[in-house]
């Protein structure tokens, strides 16, 4: 799926009528702004061929409550889930090696996040090493230690209501 400019996805004029999406086989990325402001979108089913979730792909999908990140995804781009306030749980699989800035910002409904850290993944490209601790505490100030695929402390900002964080190494 290509990247789009804001409000340019071909389905944008009817996006308020979209309740569920299925991203089929042979799609390798969910384009930037693909589902921007699809305010009634409640679920998205993603094939295991997707490796990238684009910039602001699900931005302001405030009713999105069901989303499974497949094991094929390696990158969650900046702002991918901004404002997805109905997400209550998310599993970030081992395959994810990069979570960009503001990826889960304002996902205020998140209560349960499971991260299957990939111990083979390191963060030599982390631009600010002091951001590692801040990134991992952005879920609700829970002190954590581990290798984190997040590239910036603001990747998960706004997810302050988190009650549990599971580190499944």
C-alpha atoms as a PDB file:
ATOM      1  CA  UNK A   1       0.000   0.000   0.000  1.00  0.00           C
ATOM      2  CA  UNK A   2       1.522   3.349  -0.921  1.00  0.00           C
ATOM      3  CA  UNK A   3       2.116   6.278   1.367  1.00  0.00           C
ATOM      4  CA  UNK A   4      -0.506   8.994   1.165  1.00  0.00           C
ATOM      5  CA  UNK A   5      -0.531  12.674   2.000  1.00  0.00           C
ATOM      6  CA  UNK A   6      -3.026  13.598   4.713  1.00  0.00           C
ATOM      7  CA  UNK A   7      -6.601  13.204   3.464  1.00  0.00           C
ATOM      8  CA  UNK A   8      -5.501  11.773   0.084  1.00  0.00           C
ATOM      9  CA  UNK A   9      -6.241   8.061   0.571  1.00  0.00           C
ATOM     10  CA  UNK A  10      -8.803   7.079  -2.077  1.00  0.00           C
ATOM     11  CA  UNK A  11     -11.277   5.961   0.587  1.00  0.00           C
ATOM     12  CA  UNK A  12     -10.906   9.079   2.713  1.00  0.00           C
ATOM     13  CA  UNK A  13     -14.214  10.641   1.547  1.00  0.00           C
ATOM     14  CA  UNK A  14     -16.064   7.625   2.992  1.00  0.00           C
ATOM     15  CA  UNK A  15     -13.699   6.809   5.858  1.00  0.00           C
ATOM     16  CA  UNK A  16     -16.339   7.537   8.518  1.00  0.00           C
ATOM     17  CA  UNK A  17     -18.278   4.580   7.056  1.00  0.00           C
ATOM     18  CA  UNK A  18     -15.390   2.140   7.484  1.00  0.00           C
ATOM     19  CA  UNK A  19     -15.777  -0.090  10.548  1.00  0.00           C
ATOM     20  CA  UNK A  20     -13.278  -2.854   9.769  1.00  0.00           C
ATOM     21  CA  UNK A  21     -10.354  -3.332   7.400  1.00  0.00           C
ATOM     22  CA  UNK A  22      -8.498  -6.402   6.222  1.00  0.00           C
ATOM     23  CA  UNK A  23      -5.015  -5.893   4.815  1.00  0.00           C
ATOM     24  CA  UNK A  24      -4.513  -8.894   2.549  1.00  0.00           C
ATOM     25  CA  UNK A  25      -1.586 -11.021   1.513  1.00  0.00           C
ATOM     26  CA  UNK A  26       1.151  -9.518  -0.643  1.00  0.00           C
ATOM     27  CA  UNK A  27       0.802  -6.117   1.043  1.00  0.00           C
ATOM     28  CA  UNK A  28       4.144  -5.270   2.617  1.00  0.00           C
ATOM     29  CA  UNK A  29       3.370  -1.945   4.226  1.00  0.00           C
ATOM     30  CA  UNK A  30       0.460   0.072   5.520  1.00  0.00           C
ATOM     31  CA  UNK A  31       0.995   3.464   3.944  1.00  0.00           C
ATOM     32  CA  UNK A  32       1.416   6.724   5.764  1.00  0.00           C
ATOM     33  CA  UNK A  33      -1.945   8.347   6.576  1.00  0.00           C
ATOM     34  CA  UNK A  34      -3.748   5.320   5.108  1.00  0.00           C
ATOM     35  CA  UNK A  35      -6.576   5.343   7.637  1.00  0.00           C
ATOM     36  CA  UNK A  36      -6.243   8.886   8.964  1.00  0.00           C
ATOM     37  CA  UNK A  37      -9.307   9.924  10.959  1.00  0.00           C
ATOM     38  CA  UNK A  38     -11.353   6.812  10.169  1.00  0.00           C
ATOM     39  CA  UNK A  39     -13.248   7.605  13.328  1.00  0.00           C
ATOM     40  CA  UNK A  40     -15.541   4.551  13.265  1.00  0.00           C
ATOM     41  CA  UNK A  41     -12.841   1.983  12.479  1.00  0.00           C
ATOM     42  CA  UNK A  42     -12.978  -0.610  15.279  1.00  0.00           C
ATOM     43  CA  UNK A  43     -10.781  -3.416  13.965  1.00  0.00           C
ATOM     44  CA  UNK A  44      -7.976  -4.021  11.506  1.00  0.00           C
ATOM     45  CA  UNK A  45      -6.756  -7.436  10.435  1.00  0.00           C
ATOM     46  CA  UNK A  46      -3.243  -7.363   9.029  1.00  0.00           C
ATOM     47  CA  UNK A  47      -1.657 -10.124   6.949  1.00  0.00           C
ATOM     48  CA  UNK A  48       1.689 -11.582   7.925  1.00  0.00           C
ATOM     49  CA  UNK A  49       3.304 -10.051   4.847  1.00  0.00           C
ATOM     50  CA  UNK A  50       3.224  -6.511   6.292  1.00  0.00           C
ATOM     51  CA  UNK A  51       6.615  -5.346   7.558  1.00  0.00           C
ATOM     52  CA  UNK A  52       5.996  -1.614   8.067  1.00  0.00           C
ATOM     53  CA  UNK A  53       3.148   0.329   9.653  1.00  0.00           C
ATOM     54  CA  UNK A  54       3.466   3.799   8.147  1.00  0.00           C
ATOM     55  CA  UNK A  55       3.584   7.300   9.588  1.00  0.00           C
ATOM     56  CA  UNK A  56       0.219   8.228  11.139  1.00  0.00           C
ATOM     57  CA  UNK A  57      -1.319   5.154   9.484  1.00  0.00           C
ATOM     58  CA  UNK A  58      -4.114   4.891  12.080  1.00  0.00           C
ATOM     59  CA  UNK A  59      -3.972   8.472  13.342  1.00  0.00           C
ATOM     60  CA  UNK A  60      -7.188   9.469  15.142  1.00  0.00           C
ATOM     61  CA  UNK A  61      -8.871   6.089  14.723  1.00  0.00           C
ATOM     62  CA  UNK A  62     -10.327   6.671  18.157  1.00  0.00           C
ATOM     63  CA  UNK A  63     -12.590   3.597  18.122  1.00  0.00           C
ATOM     64  CA  UNK A  64      -9.895   1.165  17.008  1.00  0.00           C
ATOM     65  CA  UNK A  65     -10.040  -1.455  19.738  1.00  0.00           C
ATOM     66  CA  UNK A  66      -8.810  -4.585  18.005  1.00  0.00           C
ATOM     67  CA  UNK A  67      -5.389  -4.604  16.394  1.00  0.00           C
ATOM     68  CA  UNK A  68      -2.877  -7.436  16.251  1.00  0.00           C
ATOM     69  CA  UNK A  69       0.610  -6.607  15.049  1.00  0.00           C
ATOM     70  CA  UNK A  70       1.726  -9.627  13.016  1.00  0.00           C
ATOM     71  CA  UNK A  71       5.115 -11.271  13.526  1.00  0.00           C
ATOM     72  CA  UNK A  72       6.245  -9.926  10.157  1.00  0.00           C
ATOM     73  CA  UNK A  73       6.253  -6.260  11.239  1.00  0.00           C
ATOM     74  CA  UNK A  74       9.714  -4.808  11.838  1.00  0.00           C
ATOM     75  CA  UNK A  75       8.941  -1.083  11.965  1.00  0.00           C
ATOM     76  CA  UNK A  76       6.166   0.963  13.516  1.00  0.00           C
ATOM     77  CA  UNK A  77       6.643   4.443  12.117  1.00  0.00           C
ATOM     78  CA  UNK A  78       6.091   7.730  13.878  1.00  0.00           C
ATOM     79  CA  UNK A  79       2.562   8.489  15.008  1.00  0.00           C
ATOM     80  CA  UNK A  80       1.214   5.203  13.658  1.00  0.00           C
ATOM     81  CA  UNK A  81      -1.421   4.912  16.389  1.00  0.00           C
ATOM     82  CA  UNK A  82      -1.777   8.491  17.692  1.00  0.00           C
ATOM     83  CA  UNK A  83      -5.166   8.960  19.313  1.00  0.00           C
ATOM     84  CA  UNK A  84      -6.246   5.311  19.189  1.00  0.00           C
ATOM     85  CA  UNK A  85      -7.886   5.735  22.576  1.00  0.00           C
ATOM     86  CA  UNK A  86      -9.947   2.547  22.445  1.00  0.00           C
ATOM     87  CA  UNK A  87      -6.901   0.263  22.240  1.00  0.00           C
ATOM     88  CA  UNK A  88      -6.748  -1.446  25.622  1.00  0.00           C
ATOM     89  CA  UNK A  89      -4.013  -3.964  24.906  1.00  0.00           C
ATOM     90  CA  UNK A  90      -1.243  -4.417  22.393  1.00  0.00           C
ATOM     91  CA  UNK A  91       1.357  -7.101  21.770  1.00  0.00           C
ATOM     92  CA  UNK A  92       4.559  -5.934  20.142  1.00  0.00           C
ATOM     93  CA  UNK A  93       6.163  -9.048  18.635  1.00  0.00           C
ATOM     94  CA  UNK A  94       9.874  -9.924  18.601  1.00  0.00           C
ATOM     95  CA  UNK A  95      10.076  -8.977  14.946  1.00  0.00           C
ATOM     96  CA  UNK A  96       9.675  -5.268  15.768  1.00  0.00           C
ATOM     97  CA  UNK A  97      13.112  -3.665  15.881  1.00  0.00           C
ATOM     98  CA  UNK A  98      12.114  -0.037  15.479  1.00  0.00           C
ATOM     99  CA  UNK A  99       9.324   1.967  17.068  1.00  0.00           C
ATOM    100  CA  UNK A 100       9.512   5.581  15.992  1.00  0.00           C
ATOM    101  CA  UNK A 101       8.589   8.824  17.720  1.00  0.00           C
ATOM    102  CA  UNK A 102       4.983   9.207  18.975  1.00  0.00           C
ATOM    103  CA  UNK A 103       4.006   5.742  17.737  1.00  0.00           C
ATOM    104  CA  UNK A 104       1.462   5.213  20.524  1.00  0.00           C
ATOM    105  CA  UNK A 105       0.945   8.798  21.655  1.00  0.00           C
ATOM    106  CA  UNK A 106      -2.416   9.504  23.284  1.00  0.00           C
ATOM    107  CA  UNK A 107      -3.442   5.841  23.408  1.00  0.00           C
ATOM    108  CA  UNK A 108      -4.942   6.639  26.771  1.00  0.00           C
ATOM    109  CA  UNK A 109      -6.949   3.407  26.963  1.00  0.00           C
ATOM    110  CA  UNK A 110      -3.877   1.146  26.932  1.00  0.00           C
ATOM    111  CA  UNK A 111      -3.950  -1.037  30.023  1.00  0.00           C
ATOM    112  CA  UNK A 112      -1.908  -4.032  28.930  1.00  0.00           C
ATOM    113  CA  UNK A 113       1.177  -3.949  26.716  1.00  0.00           C
ATOM    114  CA  UNK A 114       3.190  -7.058  26.017  1.00  0.00           C
ATOM    115  CA  UNK A 115       6.563  -6.661  24.342  1.00  0.00           C
ATOM    116  CA  UNK A 116       8.319  -9.780  23.141  1.00  0.00           C
ATOM    117  CA  UNK A 117      11.779  -8.215  23.094  1.00  0.00           C
ATOM    118  CA  UNK A 118      14.091  -9.524  20.456  1.00  0.00           C
ATOM    119  CA  UNK A 119      17.325 -10.084  22.347  1.00  0.00           C
ATOM    120  CA  UNK A 120      19.182 -10.137  19.035  1.00  0.00           C
ATOM    121  CA  UNK A 121      18.007  -6.596  18.358  1.00  0.00           C
ATOM    122  CA  UNK A 122      20.110  -3.890  19.850  1.00  0.00           C
ATOM    123  CA  UNK A 123      19.845  -0.165  19.639  1.00  0.00           C
ATOM    124  CA  UNK A 124      23.174   1.062  18.408  1.00  0.00           C
ATOM    125  CA  UNK A 125      21.185   3.485  16.269  1.00  0.00           C
ATOM    126  CA  UNK A 126      19.328   4.926  19.266  1.00  0.00           C
ATOM    127  CA  UNK A 127      19.981   8.630  18.783  1.00  0.00           C
ATOM    128  CA  UNK A 128      19.954   9.535  22.475  1.00  0.00           C
ATOM    129  CA  UNK A 129      20.927   6.818  24.900  1.00  0.00           C
ATOM    130  CA  UNK A 130      19.379   8.716  27.795  1.00  0.00           C
ATOM    131  CA  UNK A 131      16.020   8.362  26.015  1.00  0.00           C
ATOM    132  CA  UNK A 132      16.008   4.593  26.505  1.00  0.00           C
ATOM    133  CA  UNK A 133      14.837   4.768  30.108  1.00  0.00           C
ATOM    134  CA  UNK A 134      12.370   7.546  29.300  1.00  0.00           C
ATOM    135  CA  UNK A 135      10.934   5.507  26.435  1.00  0.00           C
ATOM    136  CA  UNK A 136      10.348   2.504  28.628  1.00  0.00           C
ATOM    137  CA  UNK A 137       8.759   4.561  31.381  1.00  0.00           C
ATOM    138  CA  UNK A 138       6.427   6.416  29.032  1.00  0.00           C
ATOM    139  CA  UNK A 139       3.888   3.639  29.510  1.00  0.00           C
ATOM    140  CA  UNK A 140       3.194   4.839  33.019  1.00  0.00           C
ATOM    141  CA  UNK A 141       6.461   5.426  34.852  1.00  0.00           C
ATOM    142  CA  UNK A 142       7.070   1.730  35.448  1.00  0.00           C
ATOM    143  CA  UNK A 143      10.816   1.177  35.880  1.00  0.00           C
ATOM    144  CA  UNK A 144      12.003  -1.329  33.320  1.00  0.00           C
ATOM    145  CA  UNK A 145      15.312  -2.579  32.090  1.00  0.00           C
ATOM    146  CA  UNK A 146      15.914  -4.267  28.785  1.00  0.00           C
ATOM    147  CA  UNK A 147      16.859  -3.668  25.227  1.00  0.00           C
ATOM    148  CA  UNK A 148      14.098  -1.569  23.785  1.00  0.00           C
ATOM    149  CA  UNK A 149      13.309  -1.208  20.078  1.00  0.00           C
ATOM    150  CA  UNK A 150      11.986   2.310  20.630  1.00  0.00           C
ATOM    151  CA  UNK A 151      14.148   4.951  19.002  1.00  0.00           C
ATOM    152  CA  UNK A 152      12.932   7.913  21.010  1.00  0.00           C
ATOM    153  CA  UNK A 153      11.385   8.611  24.386  1.00  0.00           C
ATOM    154  CA  UNK A 154       8.234  10.042  22.829  1.00  0.00           C
ATOM    155  CA  UNK A 155       7.366   6.841  20.935  1.00  0.00           C
ATOM    156  CA  UNK A 156       4.873   5.884  23.599  1.00  0.00           C
ATOM    157  CA  UNK A 157       4.035   9.202  25.158  1.00  0.00           C
ATOM    158  CA  UNK A 158       0.481   9.768  26.261  1.00  0.00           C
ATOM    159  CA  UNK A 159      -0.027   6.118  27.219  1.00  0.00           C
ATOM    160  CA  UNK A 160       0.018   7.030  30.888  1.00  0.00           C
ATOM    161  CA  UNK A 161      -2.937   4.908  32.018  1.00  0.00           C
ATOM    162  CA  UNK A 162      -1.030   1.681  31.596  1.00  0.00           C
ATOM    163  CA  UNK A 163      -1.628  -0.683  34.476  1.00  0.00           C
ATOM    164  CA  UNK A 164       0.541  -3.622  33.431  1.00  0.00           C
ATOM    165  CA  UNK A 165       3.583  -3.964  31.239  1.00  0.00           C
ATOM    166  CA  UNK A 166       4.835  -7.438  30.423  1.00  0.00           C
ATOM    167  CA  UNK A 167       8.389  -7.911  29.308  1.00  0.00           C
ATOM    168  CA  UNK A 168       8.381 -11.342  27.632  1.00  0.00           C
ATOM    169  CA  UNK A 169      12.041 -11.919  26.874  1.00  0.00           C
END
